[in-house]
Amino acid sequence: MAVPKQKTSKARRDKRRAHDHLATPPSSTCPQCDAPKVPHRVCGSCGTYKGRTIIEVDSE
């Protein structure tokens, strides 16, 4: 069974894991209310999608 000859240092281990982070989700602006939203999803601020009202949102 293979066994490493040297201990892997914390710096070398963390350099290898540098690309394992989460990517930020893409965002776009709602054409109705200009709020940021995820593409191809209903806007959480005004409840519209492709110019149509999908859900009723409470205005506070």
PDB file of N, CA and C in Angstrom:
ATOM      1  N   MET A   1       0.845  -1.175   0.000  1.00  0.00           N
ATOM      2  CA  MET A   1       0.000   0.000   0.000  1.00  0.00           C
ATOM      3  C   MET A   1       0.889   1.236   0.000  1.00  0.00           C
ATOM      4  N   ALA A   2       0.550   2.226  -0.828  1.00  0.00           N
ATOM      5  CA  ALA A   2       1.380   3.418  -0.951  1.00  0.00           C
ATOM      6  C   ALA A   2       1.171   4.345   0.240  1.00  0.00           C
ATOM      7  N   VAL A   3       2.268   4.876   0.744  1.00  0.00           N
ATOM      8  CA  VAL A   3       2.243   5.787   1.877  1.00  0.00           C
ATOM      9  C   VAL A   3       3.096   6.995   1.515  1.00  0.00           C
ATOM     10  N   PRO A   4       2.651   8.222   1.782  1.00  0.00           N
ATOM     11  CA  PRO A   4       3.473   9.390   1.462  1.00  0.00           C
ATOM     12  C   PRO A   4       4.749   9.414   2.282  1.00  0.00           C
ATOM     13  N   LYS A   5       5.861   9.848   1.648  1.00  0.00           N
ATOM     14  CA  LYS A   5       7.136   9.907   2.358  1.00  0.00           C
ATOM     15  C   LYS A   5       7.238  11.149   3.236  1.00  0.00           C
ATOM     16  N   GLN A   6       6.610  12.225   2.811  1.00  0.00           N
ATOM     17  CA  GLN A   6       6.682  13.474   3.558  1.00  0.00           C
ATOM     18  C   GLN A   6       5.262  13.942   3.903  1.00  0.00           C
ATOM     19  N   LYS A   7       5.176  14.665   5.009  1.00  0.00           N
ATOM     20  CA  LYS A   7       3.892  15.260   5.387  1.00  0.00           C
ATOM     21  C   LYS A   7       3.584  16.418   4.430  1.00  0.00           C
ATOM     22  N   THR A   8       2.355  16.507   3.975  1.00  0.00           N
ATOM     23  CA  THR A   8       1.943  17.626   3.138  1.00  0.00           C
ATOM     24  C   THR A   8       1.693  18.838   4.032  1.00  0.00           C
ATOM     25  N   SER A   9       2.418  19.926   3.755  1.00  0.00           N
ATOM     26  CA  SER A   9       2.286  21.112   4.593  1.00  0.00           C
ATOM     27  C   SER A   9       0.918  21.754   4.396  1.00  0.00           C
ATOM     28  N   LYS A  10       0.540  22.585   5.355  1.00  0.00           N
ATOM     29  CA  LYS A  10      -0.754  23.260   5.275  1.00  0.00           C
ATOM     30  C   LYS A  10      -0.807  24.191   4.066  1.00  0.00           C
ATOM     31  N   ALA A  11       0.299  24.848   3.766  1.00  0.00           N
ATOM     32  CA  ALA A  11       0.325  25.769   2.624  1.00  0.00           C
ATOM     33  C   ALA A  11       0.139  25.011   1.311  1.00  0.00           C
ATOM     34  N   ARG A  12       0.815  23.900   1.145  1.00  0.00           N
ATOM     35  CA  ARG A  12       0.688  23.126  -0.086  1.00  0.00           C
ATOM     36  C   ARG A  12      -0.721  22.527  -0.220  1.00  0.00           C
ATOM     37  N   ARG A  13      -1.267  22.057   0.900  1.00  0.00           N
ATOM     38  CA  ARG A  13      -2.616  21.502   0.887  1.00  0.00           C
ATOM     39  C   ARG A  13      -3.636  22.574   0.515  1.00  0.00           C
ATOM     40  N   ASP A  14      -3.508  23.771   1.092  1.00  0.00           N
ATOM     41  CA  ASP A  14      -4.463  24.832   0.836  1.00  0.00           C
ATOM     42  C   ASP A  14      -4.316  25.415  -0.568  1.00  0.00           C
ATOM     43  N   LYS A  15      -3.111  25.388  -1.139  1.00  0.00           N
ATOM     44  CA  LYS A  15      -2.944  25.828  -2.525  1.00  0.00           C
ATOM     45  C   LYS A  15      -3.689  24.904  -3.470  1.00  0.00           C
ATOM     46  N   ARG A  16      -3.692  23.654  -3.182  1.00  0.00           N
ATOM     47  CA  ARG A  16      -4.389  22.690  -4.023  1.00  0.00           C
ATOM     48  C   ARG A  16      -5.903  22.891  -3.939  1.00  0.00           C
ATOM     49  N   ARG A  17      -6.381  23.329  -2.779  1.00  0.00           N
ATOM     50  CA  ARG A  17      -7.812  23.520  -2.571  1.00  0.00           C
ATOM     51  C   ARG A  17      -8.275  24.937  -2.927  1.00  0.00           C
ATOM     52  N   ALA A  18      -7.420  25.745  -3.520  1.00  0.00           N
ATOM     53  CA  ALA A  18      -7.751  27.152  -3.772  1.00  0.00           C
ATOM     54  C   ALA A  18      -8.904  27.304  -4.747  1.00  0.00           C
ATOM     55  N   HIS A  19      -9.117  26.350  -5.638  1.00  0.00           N
ATOM     56  CA  HIS A  19     -10.154  26.473  -6.655  1.00  0.00           C
ATOM     57  C   HIS A  19     -11.433  25.750  -6.265  1.00  0.00           C
ATOM     58  N   ASP A  20     -11.550  25.284  -5.043  1.00  0.00           N
ATOM     59  CA  ASP A  20     -12.733  24.540  -4.608  1.00  0.00           C
ATOM     60  C   ASP A  20     -13.787  25.438  -3.967  1.00  0.00           C
ATOM     61  N   HIS A  21     -13.770  26.730  -4.306  1.00  0.00           N
ATOM     62  CA  HIS A  21     -14.732  27.638  -3.691  1.00  0.00           C
ATOM     63  C   HIS A  21     -16.014  27.672  -4.515  1.00  0.00           C
ATOM     64  N   LEU A  22     -17.076  28.204  -3.915  1.00  0.00           N
ATOM     65  CA  LEU A  22     -18.351  28.329  -4.605  1.00  0.00           C
ATOM     66  C   LEU A  22     -18.326  29.549  -5.519  1.00  0.00           C
ATOM     67  N   ALA A  23     -18.880  29.397  -6.699  1.00  0.00           N
ATOM     68  CA  ALA A  23     -18.972  30.523  -7.616  1.00  0.00           C
ATOM     69  C   ALA A  23     -20.195  31.369  -7.268  1.00  0.00           C
ATOM     70  N   THR A  24     -20.101  32.666  -7.506  1.00  0.00           N
ATOM     71  CA  THR A  24     -21.243  33.530  -7.240  1.00  0.00           C
ATOM     72  C   THR A  24     -22.315  33.286  -8.291  1.00  0.00           C
ATOM     73  N   PRO A  25     -23.569  33.217  -7.891  1.00  0.00           N
ATOM     74  CA  PRO A  25     -24.622  32.973  -8.874  1.00  0.00           C
ATOM     75  C   PRO A  25     -24.774  34.167  -9.798  1.00  0.00           C
ATOM     76  N   PRO A  26     -25.155  33.932 -11.054  1.00  0.00           N
ATOM     77  CA  PRO A  26     -25.333  35.059 -11.971  1.00  0.00           C
ATOM     78  C   PRO A  26     -26.545  35.899 -11.566  1.00  0.00           C
ATOM     79  N   SER A  27     -26.499  37.167 -11.900  1.00  0.00           N
ATOM     80  CA  SER A  27     -27.623  38.022 -11.563  1.00  0.00           C
ATOM     81  C   SER A  27     -27.891  38.966 -12.724  1.00  0.00           C
ATOM     82  N   SER A  28     -29.125  39.395 -12.828  1.00  0.00           N
ATOM     83  CA  SER A  28     -29.527  40.375 -13.820  1.00  0.00           C
ATOM     84  C   SER A  28     -30.506  41.322 -13.142  1.00  0.00           C
ATOM     85  N   THR A  29     -30.961  42.324 -13.876  1.00  0.00           N
ATOM     86  CA  THR A  29     -31.906  43.272 -13.294  1.00  0.00           C
ATOM     87  C   THR A  29     -33.295  43.018 -13.857  1.00  0.00           C
ATOM     88  N   CYS A  30     -34.279  43.219 -13.044  1.00  0.00           N
ATOM     89  CA  CYS A  30     -35.677  43.056 -13.451  1.00  0.00           C
ATOM     90  C   CYS A  30     -36.057  44.232 -14.348  1.00  0.00           C
ATOM     91  N   PRO A  31     -36.642  43.986 -15.515  1.00  0.00           N
ATOM     92  CA  PRO A  31     -37.023  45.111 -16.380  1.00  0.00           C
ATOM     93  C   PRO A  31     -38.190  45.929 -15.830  1.00  0.00           C
ATOM     94  N   GLN A  32     -38.976  45.366 -14.914  1.00  0.00           N
ATOM     95  CA  GLN A  32     -40.118  46.088 -14.359  1.00  0.00           C
ATOM     96  C   GLN A  32     -39.708  47.022 -13.225  1.00  0.00           C
ATOM     97  N   CYS A  33     -38.918  46.482 -12.260  1.00  0.00           N
ATOM     98  CA  CYS A  33     -38.607  47.270 -11.064  1.00  0.00           C
ATOM     99  C   CYS A  33     -37.110  47.529 -10.876  1.00  0.00           C
ATOM    100  N   ASP A  34     -36.273  47.036 -11.782  1.00  0.00           N
ATOM    101  CA  ASP A  34     -34.811  47.225 -11.745  1.00  0.00           C
ATOM    102  C   ASP A  34     -34.160  46.670 -10.487  1.00  0.00           C
ATOM    103  N   ALA A  35     -34.776  45.672  -9.879  1.00  0.00           N
ATOM    104  CA  ALA A  35     -34.182  45.012  -8.716  1.00  0.00           C
ATOM    105  C   ALA A  35     -33.306  43.857  -9.211  1.00  0.00           C
ATOM    106  N   PRO A  36     -32.243  43.506  -8.487  1.00  0.00           N
ATOM    107  CA  PRO A  36     -31.430  42.355  -8.916  1.00  0.00           C
ATOM    108  C   PRO A  36     -32.194  41.048  -8.735  1.00  0.00           C
ATOM    109  N   LYS A  37     -32.054  40.150  -9.716  1.00  0.00           N
ATOM    110  CA  LYS A  37     -32.733  38.858  -9.647  1.00  0.00           C
ATOM    111  C   LYS A  37     -31.904  37.830 -10.386  1.00  0.00           C
ATOM    112  N   VAL A  38     -32.196  36.552 -10.142  1.00  0.00           N
ATOM    113  CA  VAL A  38     -31.516  35.451 -10.818  1.00  0.00           C
ATOM    114  C   VAL A  38     -32.151  35.284 -12.198  1.00  0.00           C
ATOM    115  N   PRO A  39     -31.368  35.097 -13.262  1.00  0.00           N
ATOM    116  CA  PRO A  39     -31.950  34.960 -14.590  1.00  0.00           C
ATOM    117  C   PRO A  39     -32.903  33.763 -14.687  1.00  0.00           C
ATOM    118  N   HIS A  40     -33.921  33.900 -15.497  1.00  0.00           N
ATOM    119  CA  HIS A  40     -34.924  32.864 -15.764  1.00  0.00           C
ATOM    120  C   HIS A  40     -35.695  32.462 -14.512  1.00  0.00           C
ATOM    121  N   ARG A  41     -35.884  33.401 -13.592  1.00  0.00           N
ATOM    122  CA  ARG A  41     -36.659  33.170 -12.384  1.00  0.00           C
ATOM    123  C   ARG A  41     -37.623  34.338 -12.190  1.00  0.00           C
ATOM    124  N   VAL A  42     -38.658  34.132 -11.404  1.00  0.00           N
ATOM    125  CA  VAL A  42     -39.600  35.200 -11.079  1.00  0.00           C
ATOM    126  C   VAL A  42     -38.901  36.212 -10.178  1.00  0.00           C
ATOM    127  N   CYS A  43     -39.153  37.477 -10.421  1.00  0.00           N
ATOM    128  CA  CYS A  43     -38.558  38.533  -9.602  1.00  0.00           C
ATOM    129  C   CYS A  43     -39.169  38.472  -8.199  1.00  0.00           C
ATOM    130  N   GLY A  44     -38.325  38.516  -7.204  1.00  0.00           N
ATOM    131  CA  GLY A  44     -38.806  38.460  -5.831  1.00  0.00           C
ATOM    132  C   GLY A  44     -39.383  39.767  -5.342  1.00  0.00           C
ATOM    133  N   SER A  45     -39.033  40.864  -5.991  1.00  0.00           N
ATOM    134  CA  SER A  45     -39.527  42.172  -5.557  1.00  0.00           C
ATOM    135  C   SER A  45     -40.924  42.462  -6.079  1.00  0.00           C
ATOM    136  N   CYS A  46     -41.137  42.244  -7.397  1.00  0.00           N
ATOM    137  CA  CYS A  46     -42.437  42.604  -7.974  1.00  0.00           C
ATOM    138  C   CYS A  46     -43.252  41.393  -8.420  1.00  0.00           C
ATOM    139  N   GLY A  47     -42.636  40.207  -8.512  1.00  0.00           N
ATOM    140  CA  GLY A  47     -43.380  38.994  -8.846  1.00  0.00           C
ATOM    141  C   GLY A  47     -43.683  38.817 -10.316  1.00  0.00           C
ATOM    142  N   THR A  48     -42.930  39.479 -11.197  1.00  0.00           N
ATOM    143  CA  THR A  48     -43.176  39.352 -12.630  1.00  0.00           C
ATOM    144  C   THR A  48     -42.121  38.487 -13.299  1.00  0.00           C
ATOM    145  N   TYR A  49     -42.514  37.904 -14.437  1.00  0.00           N
ATOM    146  CA  TYR A  49     -41.594  37.142 -15.267  1.00  0.00           C
ATOM    147  C   TYR A  49     -42.025  37.320 -16.718  1.00  0.00           C
ATOM    148  N   LYS A  50     -41.124  37.777 -17.559  1.00  0.00           N
ATOM    149  CA  LYS A  50     -41.390  38.055 -18.979  1.00  0.00           C
ATOM    150  C   LYS A  50     -42.582  38.993 -19.161  1.00  0.00           C
ATOM    151  N   GLY A  51     -42.668  40.009 -18.306  1.00  0.00           N
ATOM    152  CA  GLY A  51     -43.709  41.009 -18.442  1.00  0.00           C
ATOM    153  C   GLY A  51     -45.062  40.632 -17.872  1.00  0.00           C
ATOM    154  N   ARG A  52     -45.203  39.424 -17.341  1.00  0.00           N
ATOM    155  CA  ARG A  52     -46.487  38.985 -16.778  1.00  0.00           C
ATOM    156  C   ARG A  52     -46.357  38.864 -15.267  1.00  0.00           C
ATOM    157  N   THR A  53     -47.421  39.163 -14.554  1.00  0.00           N
ATOM    158  CA  THR A  53     -47.448  39.002 -13.103  1.00  0.00           C
ATOM    159  C   THR A  53     -47.716  37.538 -12.783  1.00  0.00           C
ATOM    160  N   ILE A  54     -46.767  36.906 -12.122  1.00  0.00           N
ATOM    161  CA  ILE A  54     -46.875  35.478 -11.796  1.00  0.00           C
ATOM    162  C   ILE A  54     -47.365  35.295 -10.368  1.00  0.00           C
ATOM    163  N   ILE A  55     -46.787  36.043  -9.442  1.00  0.00           N
ATOM    164  CA  ILE A  55     -47.185  35.936  -8.038  1.00  0.00           C
ATOM    165  C   ILE A  55     -47.513  37.327  -7.529  1.00  0.00           C
ATOM    166  N   GLU A  56     -48.398  37.390  -6.572  1.00  0.00           N
ATOM    167  CA  GLU A  56     -48.740  38.660  -5.931  1.00  0.00           C
ATOM    168  C   GLU A  56     -47.782  38.869  -4.754  1.00  0.00           C
ATOM    169  N   VAL A  57     -47.115  40.006  -4.736  1.00  0.00           N
ATOM    170  CA  VAL A  57     -46.155  40.311  -3.687  1.00  0.00           C
ATOM    171  C   VAL A  57     -46.735  41.416  -2.814  1.00  0.00           C
ATOM    172  N   ASP A  58     -46.640  41.256  -1.494  1.00  0.00           N
ATOM    173  CA  ASP A  58     -47.120  42.275  -0.560  1.00  0.00           C
ATOM    174  C   ASP A  58     -46.221  43.502  -0.664  1.00  0.00           C
ATOM    175  N   SER A  59     -46.790  44.650  -0.870  1.00  0.00           N
ATOM    176  CA  SER A  59     -46.022  45.901  -0.912  1.00  0.00           C
ATOM    177  C   SER A  59     -46.027  46.516   0.480  1.00  0.00           C
ATOM    178  N   GLU A  60     -44.859  46.584   1.074  1.00  0.00           N
ATOM    179  CA  GLU A  60     -44.738  47.124   2.435  1.00  0.00           C
ATOM    180  C   GLU A  60     -43.980  48.412   2.436  1.00  0.00           C
TER     181      GLU A  60
END
